[in-house]
Protein backbone atom coordinates (compact mmCIF):
# COMPACT_ATOMS: atom_id res chain seq x y z
CA MET A 1 23.20 -81.10 35.07
CA HIS A 2 24.00 -78.20 37.35
CA SER A 3 24.10 -78.18 41.19
CA ASP A 4 22.49 -75.24 43.34
CA LYS A 5 25.82 -73.61 44.44
CA GLN A 6 26.36 -73.46 40.36
CA THR A 7 23.03 -71.77 39.16
CA PHE A 8 24.11 -69.70 42.35
CA LEU A 9 27.35 -68.42 41.11
CA THR A 10 26.49 -68.29 37.66
CA THR A 11 27.70 -65.46 36.02
CA GLU A 12 25.65 -65.32 32.81
CA PRO A 13 24.83 -61.88 31.76
CA SER A 14 21.42 -62.90 31.09
CA ALA A 15 21.85 -63.89 34.63
CA PRO A 16 19.32 -61.83 36.65
CA LEU A 17 20.46 -59.41 40.05
CA ALA A 18 18.91 -60.61 42.75
CA LYS A 19 16.03 -58.44 44.34
CA VAL A 20 18.38 -57.03 47.01
CA VAL A 21 20.91 -56.20 44.52
CA GLU A 22 18.47 -54.68 42.13
CA ARG A 23 17.04 -52.60 45.67
CA ASN A 24 20.12 -51.87 46.81
CA ILE A 25 21.18 -50.34 43.32
CA GLU A 26 17.83 -48.52 42.90
CA ALA A 27 18.56 -46.85 46.25
CA LEU A 28 21.70 -45.99 45.88
CA MET A 29 20.78 -44.28 42.05
CA GLU A 30 18.27 -42.42 44.27
CA ARG A 31 20.13 -41.01 47.01
CA GLN A 32 22.86 -39.76 44.11
CA GLN A 33 20.07 -38.01 41.84
CA ARG A 34 18.91 -36.50 45.35
CA LEU A 35 22.18 -35.10 46.31
CA GLU A 36 22.17 -33.77 42.55
CA ARG A 37 19.40 -32.08 42.84
CA ARG A 38 20.59 -30.41 46.50
CA SER A 39 23.59 -29.12 45.55
CA SER A 40 23.79 -25.58 44.72
CA PHE A 41 24.60 -23.60 41.02
CA GLN A 42 28.49 -23.61 42.25
CA ASP A 43 28.68 -26.48 42.59
CA ARG A 44 26.57 -27.92 39.51
CA LEU A 45 29.19 -25.40 37.39
CA ALA A 46 32.39 -26.33 38.47
CA ASP A 47 30.93 -29.74 38.24
CA ARG A 48 30.00 -29.25 34.61
CA VAL A 49 33.59 -27.22 33.79
CA THR A 50 35.14 -29.72 35.50
CA ALA A 51 33.72 -32.22 33.29
CA PHE A 52 34.14 -30.24 30.21
CA VAL A 53 37.50 -29.24 30.27
CA GLY A 54 38.36 -33.26 30.80
CA SER A 55 37.10 -34.04 27.80
CA MET A 56 38.71 -34.07 24.42
CA ARG A 57 36.10 -31.52 22.97
CA PHE A 58 38.21 -29.06 25.47
CA VAL A 59 41.56 -30.88 23.92
CA TYR A 60 40.41 -30.13 20.15
CA LEU A 61 39.20 -26.97 21.26
CA HIS A 62 41.91 -25.80 22.57
CA LEU A 63 44.19 -26.90 19.20
CA THR A 64 42.40 -24.98 17.26
CA VAL A 65 42.51 -21.81 18.81
CA VAL A 66 45.97 -21.65 19.85
CA ILE A 67 46.94 -23.05 15.87
CA LEU A 68 44.87 -20.52 14.52
CA TRP A 69 46.41 -18.04 17.10
CA VAL A 70 49.75 -18.60 16.53
CA GLY A 71 49.24 -19.21 12.63
CA ILE A 72 47.47 -15.61 12.38
CA ASN A 73 50.70 -14.05 14.77
CA THR A 74 53.24 -15.43 12.83
CA GLY A 75 52.11 -15.01 9.22
CA TRP A 76 51.24 -18.47 8.18
CA VAL A 77 47.79 -17.65 8.21
CA PRO A 78 47.21 -14.61 5.87
CA VAL A 79 43.27 -14.03 6.65
CA ALA A 80 43.18 -11.75 9.49
CA PRO A 81 46.11 -8.72 10.63
CA ARG A 82 48.62 -9.30 13.08
CA PHE A 83 47.27 -8.96 16.59
CA ASP A 84 49.48 -10.37 18.61
CA PRO A 85 53.33 -11.13 17.69
CA THR A 86 54.89 -11.17 20.84
CA PHE A 87 51.87 -13.90 21.85
CA VAL A 88 51.92 -11.46 25.28
CA ILE A 89 47.82 -11.77 25.06
CA LEU A 90 47.57 -15.62 24.23
CA ALA A 91 50.52 -16.36 27.03
CA THR A 92 48.23 -13.81 29.47
CA ALA A 93 44.61 -15.60 28.65
CA ALA A 94 46.32 -18.78 29.15
CA SER A 95 47.71 -18.02 32.48
CA VAL A 96 44.20 -16.41 33.37
CA GLU A 97 42.72 -19.46 32.39
CA SER A 98 44.79 -21.77 34.20
CA ILE A 99 43.71 -19.84 37.38
CA PHE A 100 40.34 -20.10 36.86
CA LEU A 101 40.36 -24.19 35.72
CA SER A 102 42.62 -25.56 38.51
CA THR A 103 39.78 -23.46 40.83
CA PHE A 104 36.96 -25.21 39.11
CA ILE A 105 39.32 -28.89 39.23
CA LEU A 106 39.83 -28.09 43.03
CA ILE A 107 35.78 -27.52 44.13
CA SER A 108 34.94 -30.55 41.94
CA GLN A 109 37.81 -32.73 43.64
CA ASN A 110 36.71 -31.34 47.57
CA ARG A 111 32.93 -32.07 46.61
CA MET A 112 34.74 -36.07 45.46
CA GLN A 113 36.75 -36.21 48.56
CA ALA A 114 34.07 -35.37 50.59
CA ALA A 115 31.28 -38.14 48.79
CA ALA A 116 34.09 -40.88 49.44
CA ASP A 117 34.72 -39.75 52.84
CA LYS A 118 31.04 -39.82 53.67
CA ARG A 119 30.93 -43.47 51.95
CA SER A 120 34.67 -44.75 53.65
CA ASP A 121 32.33 -43.88 56.87
CA LEU A 122 29.47 -45.60 55.95
CA ASP A 123 31.98 -48.50 54.66
CA LEU A 124 33.44 -48.48 57.73
CA GLN A 125 29.94 -48.72 59.82
CA VAL A 126 28.46 -51.68 57.96
CA SER A 127 31.71 -53.74 58.37
CA LEU A 128 31.92 -52.76 62.06
CA LEU A 129 27.96 -54.14 62.24
CA ALA A 130 29.25 -57.57 59.77
CA GLU A 131 31.73 -58.07 62.02
CA HIS A 132 29.49 -58.14 65.06
CA GLU A 133 27.04 -60.17 63.47
CA VAL A 134 29.62 -62.26 62.58
CA THR A 135 31.21 -62.80 66.03
CA ARG A 136 27.53 -63.47 66.90
CA LEU A 137 27.11 -66.54 64.27
CA ILE A 138 30.26 -67.78 65.26
CA THR A 139 29.28 -67.83 69.26
CA LEU A 140 26.29 -69.08 68.25
CA VAL A 141 27.44 -72.30 66.13
CA THR A 142 30.15 -72.73 68.52
CA ALA A 143 27.87 -73.22 71.00
CA MET A 144 25.48 -75.68 68.95
CA ALA A 145 28.84 -77.71 67.56
CA GLN A 146 29.23 -78.11 71.46
CA LYS A 147 26.36 -79.49 72.23
CA MET A 148 26.62 -82.02 69.24
CA GLY A 149 29.74 -82.94 70.42
CA ILE A 150 31.46 -81.83 67.15
CA GLU A 151 34.70 -82.06 67.20
CA GLU A 152 36.29 -79.09 65.84
CA SER A 153 34.03 -76.67 68.31
CA HIS A 154 36.83 -76.86 70.41
CA ASP A 155 39.17 -75.49 68.30
CA PRO A 156 41.05 -72.49 69.83
CA GLU A 157 40.97 -70.40 66.91
CA LEU A 158 37.05 -70.01 67.49
CA GLY A 159 37.21 -68.19 70.61
CA GLU A 160 39.73 -65.40 69.24
CA LEU A 161 36.85 -65.29 66.35
CA ALA A 162 34.09 -65.50 68.66
CA ARG A 163 35.37 -62.05 70.81
CA ASP A 164 33.84 -58.34 69.98
CA ILE A 165 36.56 -55.82 68.43
CA ALA A 166 35.98 -52.67 70.20
CA PRO A 167 36.54 -50.59 67.20
CA GLU A 168 37.92 -47.55 69.09
CA LYS A 169 40.62 -50.28 70.42
CA LEU A 170 41.64 -51.22 66.41
CA MET A 171 41.71 -47.76 65.29
CA ASP A 172 44.40 -46.76 68.22
CA ALA A 173 46.23 -50.32 67.04
CA MET A 174 46.04 -48.47 63.66
CA ASP A 175 47.51 -45.23 64.19
CA ALA A 176 50.05 -46.46 66.59
CA VAL A 177 51.56 -48.99 63.75
CA GLU A 178 51.10 -46.00 61.17
CA VAL A 179 52.84 -43.12 63.81
CA SER A 180 55.85 -46.23 64.49
CA GLY A 181 55.96 -47.02 60.45
CA SER A 182 56.73 -42.65 60.20
């Protein structure tokens, strides 16, 4: 027979997700789809190009083209006359392609970084809210424990944990440590 705690902690694949987790997943997916619909044509194009360039189909396509190009222009594949015996055209095309591809990749990376920054800001806000709520809970539970005469309520760490953390002071302390470490 399983206890309630064991049932709650189950990791069976068939175990249903909690409703709040399902709601959060749906909300996140809906937001992602909404952001994708609002993105500009140029951003969607850059993302599609980047996705294709990062695929094995792109590698196979390039491998095929380069092998044929070299084969034809060295005479190994005599299906067509040599059109670039010094490979200058191939080198030029590869250089131009790399300029454009790196630009598309940088555009996509910039968009991904902006999205990551937004998620990071949201994570910070949620963490600060959770910290404030936990601080209030510690204060409340400590007061209840003191009223009930529970010995652990006099633990000195509880006083420290019950203090609110000022985010600006925390960030200043982090900056100071970062500067001193540089």
